[in-house]
Amino acid sequence: MSFWLNIKRVARYGFIGFIRNGFVSLSAVLIMTITLFVVSGLIIFGAALKSTLNQLTDKVDVNVYFVTDATDEQILDMTKMLEALPEVASVSYLSRDEALAQFRERHKNDQLTIQALDELNDNPLGASLEVRAKETSQYESIAKFLEAQQAQGTTIGKSIDKVNFYQNKTAIDRLSSIIETSKRLGAIIAIVLALATILISLNTVRLAIYTSRNEIGVMNIVGASKWYVRGPFMVAGVLYGVISGIVVLILLYPITLYISPALERFLGTFNAFSYYTENFAFIFLTVIGSGIALGALSSFLAVRRYLSS
């Protein structure tokens, strides 16, 4: 019974201290709001970066073009061999007729090309396979596998006309470099901003507790336990985090709604507002959880100095 009574007292004292130190509490809430804005910004930035990189990756592939007399069996065997490779994510088949239809669509405004095509007695285009790798760095190994099939002179290898990897190699290498650089840069920015905002929040909470240093001293003199002394300040720290988190979540709604059109034009298909609404539960738990953890930890560390003195 006394345990629950002590819990109630600690919670009540923490709430009273939060209200009594109104100006200092407001300062702590404002600083933690900025901190949690950084946290939510990093979440949205990471999602936008991932979406953009996925778009770029989806536009990169290796195409295997077959000779016009390649049989369906040869193409099917090559498809199975490629799908068995651990680097391959997917293989898509394009028939000769589909390739011809796409060619006509691309050149529908070029009358000379269409006329020359109509004068041919047969379809000059061969079937092809579109190969997508799991990682952009794996396309070269797939291309080497195809080259090895051609070099061996097998029936399947002879059916291959050309592989377009080396025409796309510069773009693939550049994309791989962008992806790796973006990941490293994003991680460095996240760590630096997180550390900076945590230090600012910690110092702000320390300032709030500094105003109550005499009260802590009296509690130490009368023999209050360390957890009984820490408790009210940790409750106040949790209140800082919860209030700051709610403010951030409320403000994110109009902010993401406002920036989404410009961000979508710049990044392509990523919509910040849609991401916010569709992943609200995850963002809510992350922001509120970060606020509670940061407030409680900051208070725990800040009050430790006065407990040891």
C-alpha atoms as a PDB file:
ATOM      1  CA  MET A   1       0.000   0.000   0.000  1.00  0.00           C
ATOM      2  CA  SER A   2       2.801   2.403   0.912  1.00  0.00           C
ATOM      3  CA  PHE A   3       4.465   1.663  -2.450  1.00  0.00           C
ATOM      4  CA  TRP A   4       1.468   2.921  -4.423  1.00  0.00           C
ATOM      5  CA  LEU A   5       1.129   5.850  -2.032  1.00  0.00           C
ATOM      6  CA  ASN A   6       4.740   6.838  -2.708  1.00  0.00           C
ATOM      7  CA  ILE A   7       4.151   6.515  -6.460  1.00  0.00           C
ATOM      8  CA  LYS A   8       1.176   8.859  -6.232  1.00  0.00           C
ATOM      9  CA  ARG A   9       3.152  11.347  -4.159  1.00  0.00           C
ATOM     10  CA  VAL A  10       6.101  11.319  -6.560  1.00  0.00           C
ATOM     11  CA  ALA A  11       3.789  11.801  -9.546  1.00  0.00           C
ATOM     12  CA  ARG A  12       1.905  14.629  -7.797  1.00  0.00           C
ATOM     13  CA  TYR A  13       5.125  16.391  -6.747  1.00  0.00           C
ATOM     14  CA  GLY A  14       6.460  16.054 -10.272  1.00  0.00           C
ATOM     15  CA  PHE A  15       3.308  17.578 -11.761  1.00  0.00           C
ATOM     16  CA  ILE A  16       3.308  20.392  -9.163  1.00  0.00           C
ATOM     17  CA  GLY A  17       6.976  21.105  -9.893  1.00  0.00           C
ATOM     18  CA  PHE A  18       6.236  21.200 -13.628  1.00  0.00           C
ATOM     19  CA  ILE A  19       3.456  23.773 -13.089  1.00  0.00           C
ATOM     20  CA  ARG A  20       5.336  25.795 -10.449  1.00  0.00           C
ATOM     21  CA  ASN A  21       8.426  26.240 -12.624  1.00  0.00           C
ATOM     22  CA  GLY A  22       6.275  27.470 -15.502  1.00  0.00           C
ATOM     23  CA  PHE A  23       8.864  29.526 -17.382  1.00  0.00           C
ATOM     24  CA  VAL A  24      11.649  26.953 -17.029  1.00  0.00           C
ATOM     25  CA  SER A  25       9.244  24.163 -17.976  1.00  0.00           C
ATOM     26  CA  LEU A  26       8.187  26.131 -21.052  1.00  0.00           C
ATOM     27  CA  SER A  27      11.849  26.548 -22.042  1.00  0.00           C
ATOM     28  CA  ALA A  28      12.466  22.823 -21.652  1.00  0.00           C
ATOM     29  CA  VAL A  29       9.370  21.999 -23.701  1.00  0.00           C
ATOM     30  CA  LEU A  30      10.434  24.374 -26.477  1.00  0.00           C
ATOM     31  CA  ILE A  31      13.941  22.903 -26.650  1.00  0.00           C
ATOM     32  CA  MET A  32      12.628  19.347 -26.625  1.00  0.00           C
ATOM     33  CA  THR A  33      10.100  20.285 -29.309  1.00  0.00           C
ATOM     34  CA  ILE A  34      13.008  21.323 -31.513  1.00  0.00           C
ATOM     35  CA  THR A  35      14.785  18.087 -30.626  1.00  0.00           C
ATOM     36  CA  LEU A  36      11.781  15.963 -31.555  1.00  0.00           C
ATOM     37  CA  PHE A  37      11.319  17.981 -34.744  1.00  0.00           C
ATOM     38  CA  VAL A  38      14.828  16.905 -35.667  1.00  0.00           C
ATOM     39  CA  VAL A  39      13.909  13.296 -34.870  1.00  0.00           C
ATOM     40  CA  SER A  40      10.753  13.417 -37.007  1.00  0.00           C
ATOM     41  CA  GLY A  41      12.628  15.291 -39.747  1.00  0.00           C
ATOM     42  CA  LEU A  42      15.254  12.548 -39.845  1.00  0.00           C
ATOM     43  CA  ILE A  43      12.501   9.924 -40.155  1.00  0.00           C
ATOM     44  CA  ILE A  44      10.868  11.733 -43.087  1.00  0.00           C
ATOM     45  CA  PHE A  45      14.239  12.570 -44.673  1.00  0.00           C
ATOM     46  CA  GLY A  46      15.276   8.930 -44.456  1.00  0.00           C
ATOM     47  CA  ALA A  47      12.011   7.802 -46.044  1.00  0.00           C
ATOM     48  CA  ALA A  48      12.361  10.391 -48.825  1.00  0.00           C
ATOM     49  CA  LEU A  49      15.957   9.355 -49.509  1.00  0.00           C
ATOM     50  CA  LYS A  50      15.009   5.682 -49.595  1.00  0.00           C
ATOM     51  CA  SER A  51      12.088   6.375 -51.941  1.00  0.00           C
ATOM     52  CA  THR A  52      14.260   8.433 -54.305  1.00  0.00           C
ATOM     53  CA  LEU A  53      17.028   5.836 -54.386  1.00  0.00           C
ATOM     54  CA  ASN A  54      14.480   3.089 -55.037  1.00  0.00           C
ATOM     55  CA  GLN A  55      13.125   5.083 -57.990  1.00  0.00           C
ATOM     56  CA  LEU A  56      16.604   5.464 -59.431  1.00  0.00           C
ATOM     57  CA  THR A  57      17.405   1.800 -58.834  1.00  0.00           C
ATOM     58  CA  ASP A  58      14.194   0.702 -60.574  1.00  0.00           C
ATOM     59  CA  LYS A  59      15.316   2.518 -63.717  1.00  0.00           C
ATOM     60  CA  VAL A  60      18.546   0.546 -63.916  1.00  0.00           C
ATOM     61  CA  ASP A  61      18.675  -2.942 -65.417  1.00  0.00           C
ATOM     62  CA  VAL A  62      20.626  -5.250 -67.706  1.00  0.00           C
ATOM     63  CA  ASN A  63      18.958  -6.337 -70.958  1.00  0.00           C
ATOM     64  CA  VAL A  64      19.840  -9.580 -72.683  1.00  0.00           C
ATOM     65  CA  TYR A  65      18.994  -9.455 -76.402  1.00  0.00           C
ATOM     66  CA  PHE A  66      18.608 -12.728 -78.288  1.00  0.00           C
ATOM     67  CA  VAL A  67      19.180 -13.444 -81.968  1.00  0.00           C
ATOM     68  CA  THR A  68      16.003 -13.513 -84.061  1.00  0.00           C
ATOM     69  CA  ASP A  69      16.102 -17.300 -84.484  1.00  0.00           C
ATOM     70  CA  ALA A  70      16.482 -18.055 -80.788  1.00  0.00           C
ATOM     71  CA  THR A  71      13.963 -20.684 -79.693  1.00  0.00           C
ATOM     72  CA  ASP A  72      11.543 -20.390 -76.788  1.00  0.00           C
ATOM     73  CA  GLU A  73      13.327 -23.284 -75.112  1.00  0.00           C
ATOM     74  CA  GLN A  74      16.692 -21.467 -75.223  1.00  0.00           C
ATOM     75  CA  ILE A  75      15.163 -18.304 -73.789  1.00  0.00           C
ATOM     76  CA  LEU A  76      13.375 -20.274 -71.057  1.00  0.00           C
ATOM     77  CA  ASP A  77      16.610 -22.064 -70.111  1.00  0.00           C
ATOM     78  CA  MET A  78      18.450 -18.742 -69.897  1.00  0.00           C
ATOM     79  CA  THR A  79      15.644 -17.307 -67.754  1.00  0.00           C
ATOM     80  CA  LYS A  80      15.908 -20.217 -65.311  1.00  0.00           C
ATOM     81  CA  MET A  81      19.701 -19.866 -65.129  1.00  0.00           C
ATOM     82  CA  LEU A  82      19.451 -16.153 -64.367  1.00  0.00           C
ATOM     83  CA  GLU A  83      16.716 -16.609 -61.757  1.00  0.00           C
ATOM     84  CA  ALA A  84      18.950 -19.142 -60.003  1.00  0.00           C
ATOM     85  CA  LEU A  85      21.680 -16.527 -59.472  1.00  0.00           C
ATOM     86  CA  PRO A  86      21.667 -15.109 -55.896  1.00  0.00           C
ATOM     87  CA  GLU A  87      22.270 -11.568 -57.236  1.00  0.00           C
ATOM     88  CA  VAL A  88      19.147 -11.535 -59.416  1.00  0.00           C
ATOM     89  CA  ALA A  89      15.939 -10.004 -58.038  1.00  0.00           C
ATOM     90  CA  SER A  90      13.714 -10.527 -61.090  1.00  0.00           C
ATOM     91  CA  VAL A  91      13.753 -11.461 -64.774  1.00  0.00           C
ATOM     92  CA  SER A  92      11.138 -10.135 -67.217  1.00  0.00           C
ATOM     93  CA  TYR A  93      10.562 -11.565 -70.683  1.00  0.00           C
ATOM     94  CA  LEU A  94       9.807  -9.438 -73.762  1.00  0.00           C
ATOM     95  CA  SER A  95       8.746 -11.343 -76.868  1.00  0.00           C
ATOM     96  CA  ARG A  96       9.642 -10.373 -80.445  1.00  0.00           C
ATOM     97  CA  ASP A  97       6.108  -9.166 -81.138  1.00  0.00           C
ATOM     98  CA  GLU A  98       6.065  -7.050 -77.968  1.00  0.00           C
ATOM     99  CA  ALA A  99       9.467  -5.584 -78.839  1.00  0.00           C
ATOM    100  CA  LEU A 100       8.189  -4.664 -82.317  1.00  0.00           C
ATOM    101  CA  ALA A 101       5.036  -3.067 -80.876  1.00  0.00           C
ATOM    102  CA  GLN A 102       7.121  -0.984 -78.453  1.00  0.00           C
ATOM    103  CA  PHE A 103       9.484   0.038 -81.246  1.00  0.00           C
ATOM    104  CA  ARG A 104       6.547   1.205 -83.385  1.00  0.00           C
ATOM    105  CA  GLU A 105       5.115   3.167 -80.455  1.00  0.00           C
ATOM    106  CA  ARG A 106       8.429   4.917 -79.760  1.00  0.00           C
ATOM    107  CA  HIS A 107       8.852   5.887 -83.424  1.00  0.00           C
ATOM    108  CA  LYS A 108       5.233   6.564 -84.332  1.00  0.00           C
ATOM    109  CA  ASN A 109       6.106  10.149 -85.309  1.00  0.00           C
ATOM    110  CA  ASP A 110       9.072   9.074 -87.462  1.00  0.00           C
ATOM    111  CA  GLN A 111       7.432   8.216 -90.790  1.00  0.00           C
ATOM    112  CA  LEU A 112      10.694   7.209 -92.504  1.00  0.00           C
ATOM    113  CA  THR A 113      11.493   4.626 -89.827  1.00  0.00           C
ATOM    114  CA  ILE A 114       7.951   3.222 -89.839  1.00  0.00           C
ATOM    115  CA  GLN A 115       7.948   3.071 -93.641  1.00  0.00           C
ATOM    116  CA  ALA A 116      11.300   1.237 -93.700  1.00  0.00           C
ATOM    117  CA  LEU A 117       9.990  -1.195 -91.096  1.00  0.00           C
ATOM    118  CA  ASP A 118       6.855  -1.894 -93.132  1.00  0.00           C
ATOM    119  CA  GLU A 119       8.959  -2.718 -96.192  1.00  0.00           C
ATOM    120  CA  LEU A 120      10.673  -5.562 -94.342  1.00  0.00           C
ATOM    121  CA  ASN A 121       9.170  -9.000 -94.779  1.00  0.00           C
ATOM    122  CA  ASP A 122       9.978 -10.112 -91.240  1.00  0.00           C
ATOM    123  CA  ASN A 123      10.294  -8.798 -87.699  1.00  0.00           C
ATOM    124  CA  PRO A 124      13.954  -7.675 -87.360  1.00  0.00           C
ATOM    125  CA  LEU A 125      13.846  -7.571 -83.562  1.00  0.00           C
ATOM    126  CA  GLY A 126      14.673 -10.453 -81.245  1.00  0.00           C
ATOM    127  CA  ALA A 127      13.227 -11.319 -77.860  1.00  0.00           C
ATOM    128  CA  SER A 128      14.911  -9.970 -74.751  1.00  0.00           C
ATOM    129  CA  LEU A 129      15.148 -10.428 -70.999  1.00  0.00           C
ATOM    130  CA  GLU A 130      15.162  -7.540 -68.524  1.00  0.00           C
ATOM    131  CA  VAL A 131      17.289  -8.488 -65.511  1.00  0.00           C
ATOM    132  CA  ARG A 132      17.127  -6.581 -62.229  1.00  0.00           C
ATOM    133  CA  ALA A 133      19.692  -7.137 -59.512  1.00  0.00           C
ATOM    134  CA  LYS A 134      19.105  -6.931 -55.760  1.00  0.00           C
ATOM    135  CA  GLU A 135      21.877  -4.334 -55.475  1.00  0.00           C
ATOM    136  CA  THR A 136      23.239  -2.004 -58.170  1.00  0.00           C
ATOM    137  CA  SER A 137      26.772  -3.228 -57.419  1.00  0.00           C
ATOM    138  CA  GLN A 138      25.768  -6.753 -58.525  1.00  0.00           C
ATOM    139  CA  TYR A 139      25.024  -5.965 -62.181  1.00  0.00           C
ATOM    140  CA  GLU A 140      28.635  -6.463 -63.218  1.00  0.00           C
ATOM    141  CA  SER A 141      28.738 -10.032 -61.902  1.00  0.00           C
ATOM    142  CA  ILE A 142      25.512 -10.799 -63.790  1.00  0.00           C
ATOM    143  CA  ALA A 143      27.029  -9.380 -66.994  1.00  0.00           C
ATOM    144  CA  LYS A 144      30.159 -11.502 -66.490  1.00  0.00           C
ATOM    145  CA  PHE A 145      27.994 -14.588 -66.093  1.00  0.00           C
ATOM    146  CA  LEU A 146      26.292 -13.841 -69.425  1.00  0.00           C
ATOM    147  CA  GLU A 147      29.654 -13.220 -71.098  1.00  0.00           C
ATOM    148  CA  ALA A 148      30.883 -16.564 -69.804  1.00  0.00           C
ATOM    149  CA  GLN A 149      27.866 -18.272 -71.388  1.00  0.00           C
ATOM    150  CA  GLN A 150      28.678 -16.620 -74.720  1.00  0.00           C
ATOM    151  CA  ALA A 151      32.372 -17.506 -74.469  1.00  0.00           C
ATOM    152  CA  GLN A 152      31.644 -21.175 -73.745  1.00  0.00           C
ATOM    153  CA  GLY A 153      29.814 -21.405 -77.068  1.00  0.00           C
ATOM    154  CA  THR A 154      26.946 -23.432 -75.647  1.00  0.00           C
ATOM    155  CA  THR A 155      23.589 -23.560 -77.432  1.00  0.00           C
ATOM    156  CA  ILE A 156      22.179 -21.075 -74.924  1.00  0.00           C
ATOM    157  CA  GLY A 157      25.240 -18.830 -75.210  1.00  0.00           C
ATOM    158  CA  LYS A 158      25.004 -18.736 -78.999  1.00  0.00           C
ATOM    159  CA  SER A 159      21.398 -17.560 -78.775  1.00  0.00           C
ATOM    160  CA  ILE A 160      22.523 -14.321 -77.067  1.00  0.00           C
ATOM    161  CA  ASP A 161      22.997 -11.427 -79.478  1.00  0.00           C
ATOM    162  CA  LYS A 162      24.248  -8.788 -77.011  1.00  0.00           C
ATOM    163  CA  VAL A 163      24.106  -7.618 -73.399  1.00  0.00           C
ATOM    164  CA  ASN A 164      23.706  -3.897 -72.769  1.00  0.00           C
ATOM    165  CA  PHE A 165      25.481  -3.747 -69.391  1.00  0.00           C
ATOM    166  CA  TYR A 166      28.588  -1.925 -70.599  1.00  0.00           C
ATOM    167  CA  GLN A 167      26.493   0.746 -72.333  1.00  0.00           C
ATOM    168  CA  ASN A 168      24.850   1.415 -68.937  1.00  0.00           C
ATOM    169  CA  LYS A 169      27.961   0.812 -66.804  1.00  0.00           C
ATOM    170  CA  THR A 170      28.740   4.507 -66.258  1.00  0.00           C
ATOM    171  CA  ALA A 171      25.183   5.240 -65.094  1.00  0.00           C
ATOM    172  CA  ILE A 172      25.132   2.143 -62.860  1.00  0.00           C
ATOM    173  CA  ASP A 173      28.491   2.977 -61.260  1.00  0.00           C
ATOM    174  CA  ARG A 174      27.406   6.567 -60.702  1.00  0.00           C
ATOM    175  CA  LEU A 175      24.145   5.443 -59.114  1.00  0.00           C
ATOM    176  CA  SER A 176      25.994   3.003 -56.841  1.00  0.00           C
ATOM    177  CA  SER A 177      28.280   5.816 -55.738  1.00  0.00           C
ATOM    178  CA  ILE A 178      25.320   8.134 -55.061  1.00  0.00           C
ATOM    179  CA  ILE A 179      23.564   5.469 -52.992  1.00  0.00           C
ATOM    180  CA  GLU A 180      26.602   4.715 -50.833  1.00  0.00           C
ATOM    181  CA  THR A 181      27.460   8.410 -50.362  1.00  0.00           C
ATOM    182  CA  SER A 182      23.857   9.266 -49.473  1.00  0.00           C
ATOM    183  CA  LYS A 183      23.696   6.502 -46.879  1.00  0.00           C
ATOM    184  CA  ARG A 184      26.951   7.593 -45.232  1.00  0.00           C
ATOM    185  CA  LEU A 185      26.077  11.285 -45.347  1.00  0.00           C
ATOM    186  CA  GLY A 186      22.589  10.635 -43.977  1.00  0.00           C
ATOM    187  CA  ALA A 187      23.994   8.595 -41.084  1.00  0.00           C
ATOM    188  CA  ILE A 188      26.589  11.281 -40.224  1.00  0.00           C
ATOM    189  CA  ILE A 189      23.996  14.081 -40.315  1.00  0.00           C
ATOM    190  CA  ALA A 190      21.601  12.046 -38.162  1.00  0.00           C
ATOM    191  CA  ILE A 191      24.268  11.315 -35.530  1.00  0.00           C
ATOM    192  CA  VAL A 192      25.527  14.930 -35.370  1.00  0.00           C
ATOM    193  CA  LEU A 193      22.046  16.460 -35.116  1.00  0.00           C
ATOM    194  CA  ALA A 194      20.890  13.879 -32.579  1.00  0.00           C
ATOM    195  CA  LEU A 195      23.912  14.448 -30.324  1.00  0.00           C
ATOM    196  CA  ALA A 196      23.609  18.232 -30.572  1.00  0.00           C
ATOM    197  CA  THR A 197      19.920  18.301 -29.723  1.00  0.00           C
ATOM    198  CA  ILE A 198      20.313  15.783 -26.874  1.00  0.00           C
ATOM    199  CA  LEU A 199      23.061  17.915 -25.305  1.00  0.00           C
ATOM    200  CA  ILE A 200      20.918  21.053 -25.609  1.00  0.00           C
ATOM    201  CA  SER A 201      17.939  19.279 -24.062  1.00  0.00           C
ATOM    202  CA  LEU A 202      20.078  17.880 -21.259  1.00  0.00           C
ATOM    203  CA  ASN A 203      21.427  21.334 -20.380  1.00  0.00           C
ATOM    204  CA  THR A 204      17.928  22.826 -20.450  1.00  0.00           C
ATOM    205  CA  VAL A 205      16.612  20.183 -18.051  1.00  0.00           C
ATOM    206  CA  ARG A 206      19.645  20.771 -15.861  1.00  0.00           C
ATOM    207  CA  LEU A 207      18.651  24.432 -15.692  1.00  0.00           C
ATOM    208  CA  ALA A 208      15.155  23.438 -14.635  1.00  0.00           C
ATOM    209  CA  ILE A 209      16.517  21.220 -11.864  1.00  0.00           C
ATOM    210  CA  TYR A 210      19.047  23.885 -10.803  1.00  0.00           C
ATOM    211  CA  THR A 211      16.151  26.058  -9.626  1.00  0.00           C
ATOM    212  CA  SER A 212      15.176  23.272  -7.222  1.00  0.00           C
ATOM    213  CA  ARG A 213      18.654  22.513  -5.883  1.00  0.00           C
ATOM    214  CA  ASN A 214      17.793  23.792  -2.388  1.00  0.00           C
ATOM    215  CA  GLU A 215      14.735  21.559  -2.257  1.00  0.00           C
ATOM    216  CA  ILE A 216      16.892  18.567  -3.248  1.00  0.00           C
ATOM    217  CA  GLY A 217      19.356  19.473  -0.496  1.00  0.00           C
ATOM    218  CA  VAL A 218      16.594  19.531   2.129  1.00  0.00           C
ATOM    219  CA  MET A 219      15.282  16.139   0.957  1.00  0.00           C
ATOM    220  CA  ASN A 220      18.804  14.710   1.251  1.00  0.00           C
ATOM    221  CA  ILE A 221      19.140  16.087   4.790  1.00  0.00           C
ATOM    222  CA  VAL A 222      15.874  14.531   5.994  1.00  0.00           C
ATOM    223  CA  GLY A 223      16.958  11.154   4.601  1.00  0.00           C
ATOM    224  CA  ALA A 224      14.792  10.783   1.501  1.00  0.00           C
ATOM    225  CA  SER A 225      15.891   7.932  -0.761  1.00  0.00           C
ATOM    226  CA  LYS A 226      17.607   8.769  -4.033  1.00  0.00           C
ATOM    227  CA  TRP A 227      14.740   7.383  -6.089  1.00  0.00           C
ATOM    228  CA  TYR A 228      12.256   9.428  -4.052  1.00  0.00           C
ATOM    229  CA  VAL A 229      14.304  12.549  -4.843  1.00  0.00           C
ATOM    230  CA  ARG A 230      14.731  11.661  -8.510  1.00  0.00           C
ATOM    231  CA  GLY A 231      11.119  10.638  -9.026  1.00  0.00           C
ATOM    232  CA  PRO A 232       9.400  14.060  -9.259  1.00  0.00           C
ATOM    233  CA  PHE A 233      12.040  15.407 -11.634  1.00  0.00           C
ATOM    234  CA  MET A 234      11.797  12.329 -13.853  1.00  0.00           C
ATOM    235  CA  VAL A 235       8.009  12.743 -13.899  1.00  0.00           C
ATOM    236  CA  ALA A 236       8.520  16.371 -14.956  1.00  0.00           C
ATOM    237  CA  GLY A 237      10.978  15.196 -17.624  1.00  0.00           C
ATOM    238  CA  VAL A 238       8.409  12.725 -18.958  1.00  0.00           C
ATOM    239  CA  LEU A 239       5.858  15.570 -19.085  1.00  0.00           C
ATOM    240  CA  TYR A 240       8.349  17.684 -21.069  1.00  0.00           C
ATOM    241  CA  GLY A 241       8.709  14.829 -23.565  1.00  0.00           C
ATOM    242  CA  VAL A 242       4.996  14.010 -23.871  1.00  0.00           C
ATOM    243  CA  ILE A 243       3.912  17.634 -24.335  1.00  0.00           C
ATOM    244  CA  SER A 244       6.730  18.302 -26.798  1.00  0.00           C
ATOM    245  CA  GLY A 245       5.871  15.150 -28.740  1.00  0.00           C
ATOM    246  CA  ILE A 246       2.183  16.101 -28.986  1.00  0.00           C
ATOM    247  CA  VAL A 247       3.119  19.597 -30.196  1.00  0.00           C
ATOM    248  CA  VAL A 248       5.410  18.129 -32.859  1.00  0.00           C
ATOM    249  CA  LEU A 249       2.768  15.653 -34.069  1.00  0.00           C
ATOM    250  CA  ILE A 250       0.161  18.418 -34.308  1.00  0.00           C
ATOM    251  CA  LEU A 251       2.488  20.749 -36.211  1.00  0.00           C
ATOM    252  CA  LEU A 252       3.695  18.028 -38.580  1.00  0.00           C
ATOM    253  CA  TYR A 253       0.211  17.728 -40.086  1.00  0.00           C
ATOM    254  CA  PRO A 254       0.045  21.237 -41.663  1.00  0.00           C
ATOM    255  CA  ILE A 255       3.800  21.341 -42.343  1.00  0.00           C
ATOM    256  CA  THR A 256       3.877  18.081 -44.325  1.00  0.00           C
ATOM    257  CA  LEU A 257       0.659  19.093 -46.093  1.00  0.00           C
ATOM    258  CA  TYR A 258       2.256  22.407 -47.128  1.00  0.00           C
ATOM    259  CA  ILE A 259       5.652  21.090 -48.275  1.00  0.00           C
ATOM    260  CA  SER A 260       4.376  17.935 -50.017  1.00  0.00           C
ATOM    261  CA  PRO A 261       3.671  19.453 -53.479  1.00  0.00           C
ATOM    262  CA  ALA A 262       7.123  21.070 -53.737  1.00  0.00           C
ATOM    263  CA  LEU A 263       8.834  18.008 -52.299  1.00  0.00           C
ATOM    264  CA  GLU A 264       6.991  15.721 -54.696  1.00  0.00           C
ATOM    265  CA  ARG A 265       8.044  17.837 -57.681  1.00  0.00           C
ATOM    266  CA  PHE A 266      11.644  17.725 -56.523  1.00  0.00           C
ATOM    267  CA  LEU A 267      11.855  14.048 -55.481  1.00  0.00           C
ATOM    268  CA  GLY A 268       9.392  12.475 -57.879  1.00  0.00           C
ATOM    269  CA  THR A 269       6.774  10.239 -56.286  1.00  0.00           C
ATOM    270  CA  PHE A 270       7.511  10.769 -52.572  1.00  0.00           C
ATOM    271  CA  ASN A 271       4.698  12.602 -50.765  1.00  0.00           C
ATOM    272  CA  ALA A 272       5.568  13.708 -47.224  1.00  0.00           C
ATOM    273  CA  PHE A 273       1.949  14.181 -46.155  1.00  0.00           C
ATOM    274  CA  SER A 274       0.933  10.721 -47.388  1.00  0.00           C
ATOM    275  CA  TYR A 275       3.923   9.202 -45.627  1.00  0.00           C
ATOM    276  CA  TYR A 276       2.986  11.023 -42.398  1.00  0.00           C
ATOM    277  CA  THR A 277      -0.641   9.877 -42.445  1.00  0.00           C
ATOM    278  CA  GLU A 278       0.093   6.313 -43.562  1.00  0.00           C
ATOM    279  CA  ASN A 279       2.862   5.827 -40.989  1.00  0.00           C
ATOM    280  CA  PHE A 280       1.333   7.912 -38.194  1.00  0.00           C
ATOM    281  CA  ALA A 281       1.419   5.046 -35.673  1.00  0.00           C
ATOM    282  CA  PHE A 282       5.154   4.527 -36.220  1.00  0.00           C
ATOM    283  CA  ILE A 283       5.907   8.269 -36.105  1.00  0.00           C
ATOM    284  CA  PHE A 284       3.700   8.689 -33.008  1.00  0.00           C
ATOM    285  CA  LEU A 285       5.465   5.910 -31.100  1.00  0.00           C
ATOM    286  CA  THR A 286       8.914   7.126 -32.195  1.00  0.00           C
ATOM    287  CA  VAL A 287       8.354  10.802 -31.359  1.00  0.00           C
ATOM    288  CA  ILE A 288       6.493  10.271 -28.069  1.00  0.00           C
ATOM    289  CA  GLY A 289       8.819   7.437 -27.057  1.00  0.00           C
ATOM    290  CA  SER A 290      11.897   9.555 -27.843  1.00  0.00           C
ATOM    291  CA  GLY A 291      10.435  12.458 -25.878  1.00  0.00           C
ATOM    292  CA  ILE A 292       9.704  10.325 -22.808  1.00  0.00           C
ATOM    293  CA  ALA A 293      13.108   8.623 -22.947  1.00  0.00           C
ATOM    294  CA  LEU A 294      14.976  11.895 -23.472  1.00  0.00           C
ATOM    295  CA  GLY A 295      13.089  13.741 -20.722  1.00  0.00           C
ATOM    296  CA  ALA A 296      13.425  10.958 -18.166  1.00  0.00           C
ATOM    297  CA  LEU A 297      17.110  10.300 -18.969  1.00  0.00           C
ATOM    298  CA  SER A 298      17.987  14.006 -18.921  1.00  0.00           C
ATOM    299  CA  SER A 299      16.321  14.444 -15.536  1.00  0.00           C
ATOM    300  CA  PHE A 300      17.969  11.304 -14.166  1.00  0.00           C
ATOM    301  CA  LEU A 301      21.429  12.497 -15.198  1.00  0.00           C
ATOM    302  CA  ALA A 302      20.879  16.112 -14.186  1.00  0.00           C
ATOM    303  CA  VAL A 303      19.693  15.397 -10.657  1.00  0.00           C
ATOM    304  CA  ARG A 304      22.553  12.959 -10.046  1.00  0.00           C
ATOM    305  CA  ARG A 305      24.934  15.865  -9.496  1.00  0.00           C
ATOM    306  CA  TYR A 306      22.942  17.173  -6.550  1.00  0.00           C
ATOM    307  CA  LEU A 307      22.454  13.741  -5.028  1.00  0.00           C
ATOM    308  CA  SER A 308      26.217  13.216  -4.858  1.00  0.00           C
ATOM    309  CA  SER A 309      26.940  16.627  -3.369  1.00  0.00           C
END
